[in-house]
């Protein structure tokens, strides 16, 4: 079952820097087992948080990728995380 993980981010400083960094590593997750796609959603209409929407074949694939990630030095990041939303895609057939 496909799962969707939405990381909620607040830009630190210039939001364009956050977008540049995501563009620079746009395909860095493509080869991960179970990864199905990703989108970076820019805030509009008075919102100030970005959403990073990723789709995975299953929760185990997401957790395996997450476990491999190297921790980042917070002083070098362009954003802070405001949490993560987790969903399963409902098969309506």
C-alpha atoms as a PDB file:
ATOM      1  CA  UNK A   1       0.000   0.000   0.000  1.00  0.00           C
ATOM      2  CA  UNK A   2       1.390   3.395  -0.978  1.00  0.00           C
ATOM      3  CA  UNK A   3       2.105   5.738   1.915  1.00  0.00           C
ATOM      4  CA  UNK A   4       2.546   9.501   1.841  1.00  0.00           C
ATOM      5  CA  UNK A   5       4.855  11.349   4.218  1.00  0.00           C
ATOM      6  CA  UNK A   6       4.591  15.132   4.412  1.00  0.00           C
ATOM      7  CA  UNK A   7       7.413  16.949   6.161  1.00  0.00           C
ATOM      8  CA  UNK A   8       6.396  20.448   7.261  1.00  0.00           C
ATOM      9  CA  UNK A   9       9.269  22.932   6.979  1.00  0.00           C
ATOM     10  CA  UNK A  10       9.798  26.529   8.026  1.00  0.00           C
ATOM     11  CA  UNK A  11      12.453  28.348   5.995  1.00  0.00           C
ATOM     12  CA  UNK A  12      15.339  29.813   7.971  1.00  0.00           C
ATOM     13  CA  UNK A  13      16.179  33.080   6.248  1.00  0.00           C
ATOM     14  CA  UNK A  14      15.604  33.401   2.496  1.00  0.00           C
ATOM     15  CA  UNK A  15      13.003  30.884   1.248  1.00  0.00           C
ATOM     16  CA  UNK A  16      14.702  30.914  -2.163  1.00  0.00           C
ATOM     17  CA  UNK A  17      17.729  29.261  -0.528  1.00  0.00           C
ATOM     18  CA  UNK A  18      15.533  26.409   0.703  1.00  0.00           C
ATOM     19  CA  UNK A  19      14.205  25.925  -2.833  1.00  0.00           C
ATOM     20  CA  UNK A  20      17.721  26.046  -4.347  1.00  0.00           C
ATOM     21  CA  UNK A  21      18.921  23.332  -1.968  1.00  0.00           C
ATOM     22  CA  UNK A  22      15.992  21.061  -2.809  1.00  0.00           C
ATOM     23  CA  UNK A  23      16.592  21.628  -6.527  1.00  0.00           C
ATOM     24  CA  UNK A  24      20.267  20.683  -6.102  1.00  0.00           C
ATOM     25  CA  UNK A  25      19.360  17.294  -4.626  1.00  0.00           C
ATOM     26  CA  UNK A  26      16.129  16.769  -6.550  1.00  0.00           C
ATOM     27  CA  UNK A  27      16.941  13.200  -7.638  1.00  0.00           C
ATOM     28  CA  UNK A  28      18.999  12.096  -4.629  1.00  0.00           C
ATOM     29  CA  UNK A  29      16.271   9.766  -3.356  1.00  0.00           C
ATOM     30  CA  UNK A  30      15.125   8.369  -6.722  1.00  0.00           C
ATOM     31  CA  UNK A  31      17.107   5.116  -6.451  1.00  0.00           C
ATOM     32  CA  UNK A  32      15.895   4.271  -2.941  1.00  0.00           C
ATOM     33  CA  UNK A  33      13.868   1.045  -2.806  1.00  0.00           C
ATOM     34  CA  UNK A  34      10.162   1.817  -2.561  1.00  0.00           C
ATOM     35  CA  UNK A  35      10.475   5.519  -3.395  1.00  0.00           C
ATOM     36  CA  UNK A  36       7.710   6.634  -5.758  1.00  0.00           C
ATOM     37  CA  UNK A  37       8.030  10.412  -5.966  1.00  0.00           C
ATOM     38  CA  UNK A  38       8.362  13.755  -4.269  1.00  0.00           C
ATOM     39  CA  UNK A  39       7.095  17.336  -4.509  1.00  0.00           C
ATOM     40  CA  UNK A  40       8.102  20.529  -2.734  1.00  0.00           C
ATOM     41  CA  UNK A  41       5.040  22.694  -2.106  1.00  0.00           C
ATOM     42  CA  UNK A  42       5.664  26.451  -1.782  1.00  0.00           C
ATOM     43  CA  UNK A  43       3.412  28.359   0.649  1.00  0.00           C
ATOM     44  CA  UNK A  44       0.945  30.940  -0.712  1.00  0.00           C
ATOM     45  CA  UNK A  45      -2.019  32.934   0.582  1.00  0.00           C
ATOM     46  CA  UNK A  46      -0.535  33.891   3.929  1.00  0.00           C
ATOM     47  CA  UNK A  47       1.048  30.512   4.687  1.00  0.00           C
ATOM     48  CA  UNK A  48       4.732  30.403   5.588  1.00  0.00           C
ATOM     49  CA  UNK A  49       5.519  26.685   5.811  1.00  0.00           C
ATOM     50  CA  UNK A  50       6.689  24.457   2.967  1.00  0.00           C
ATOM     51  CA  UNK A  51       5.428  20.889   2.590  1.00  0.00           C
ATOM     52  CA  UNK A  52       7.734  18.167   1.282  1.00  0.00           C
ATOM     53  CA  UNK A  53       5.412  15.442  -0.004  1.00  0.00           C
ATOM     54  CA  UNK A  54       6.955  12.014  -0.604  1.00  0.00           C
ATOM     55  CA  UNK A  55       5.298   8.808  -1.766  1.00  0.00           C
ATOM     56  CA  UNK A  56       6.608   5.379  -0.818  1.00  0.00           C
ATOM     57  CA  UNK A  57       5.547   1.834  -1.702  1.00  0.00           C
ATOM     58  CA  UNK A  58       5.166   1.085   2.012  1.00  0.00           C
ATOM     59  CA  UNK A  59       6.111   2.344   5.445  1.00  0.00           C
ATOM     60  CA  UNK A  60       9.087  -0.049   5.686  1.00  0.00           C
ATOM     61  CA  UNK A  61      10.685   1.571   2.598  1.00  0.00           C
ATOM     62  CA  UNK A  62      10.352   5.025   4.122  1.00  0.00           C
ATOM     63  CA  UNK A  63      11.768   3.878   7.470  1.00  0.00           C
ATOM     64  CA  UNK A  64      14.723   2.131   5.758  1.00  0.00           C
ATOM     65  CA  UNK A  65      15.582   5.353   3.883  1.00  0.00           C
ATOM     66  CA  UNK A  66      15.166   7.411   7.042  1.00  0.00           C
ATOM     67  CA  UNK A  67      17.498   5.105   8.987  1.00  0.00           C
ATOM     68  CA  UNK A  68      20.259   5.567   6.374  1.00  0.00           C
ATOM     69  CA  UNK A  69      20.147   9.365   6.377  1.00  0.00           C
ATOM     70  CA  UNK A  70      23.045  11.194   7.940  1.00  0.00           C
ATOM     71  CA  UNK A  71      22.093  13.723  10.621  1.00  0.00           C
ATOM     72  CA  UNK A  72      22.503  17.300   9.440  1.00  0.00           C
ATOM     73  CA  UNK A  73      24.168  20.066  11.396  1.00  0.00           C
ATOM     74  CA  UNK A  74      21.260  22.426  12.255  1.00  0.00           C
ATOM     75  CA  UNK A  75      23.495  25.461  11.763  1.00  0.00           C
ATOM     76  CA  UNK A  76      23.895  24.575   8.058  1.00  0.00           C
ATOM     77  CA  UNK A  77      20.273  23.816   7.179  1.00  0.00           C
ATOM     78  CA  UNK A  78      17.935  26.160   5.301  1.00  0.00           C
ATOM     79  CA  UNK A  79      14.864  25.087   7.284  1.00  0.00           C
ATOM     80  CA  UNK A  80      13.533  23.658  10.498  1.00  0.00           C
ATOM     81  CA  UNK A  81      11.046  20.820  10.665  1.00  0.00           C
ATOM     82  CA  UNK A  82       7.623  21.542  12.105  1.00  0.00           C
ATOM     83  CA  UNK A  83       6.656  17.867  12.118  1.00  0.00           C
ATOM     84  CA  UNK A  84       5.594  15.168   9.716  1.00  0.00           C
ATOM     85  CA  UNK A  85       2.156  14.050   8.564  1.00  0.00           C
ATOM     86  CA  UNK A  86       1.689  10.411   7.582  1.00  0.00           C
ATOM     87  CA  UNK A  87      -1.023   8.944   5.349  1.00  0.00           C
ATOM     88  CA  UNK A  88      -1.955   5.771   3.525  1.00  0.00           C
ATOM     89  CA  UNK A  89      -3.409   6.060   0.019  1.00  0.00           C
ATOM     90  CA  UNK A  90      -6.915   4.590  -0.044  1.00  0.00           C
ATOM     91  CA  UNK A  91      -7.579   2.248  -2.936  1.00  0.00           C
ATOM     92  CA  UNK A  92     -11.113   3.117  -4.006  1.00  0.00           C
ATOM     93  CA  UNK A  93     -11.429   0.308  -6.576  1.00  0.00           C
END
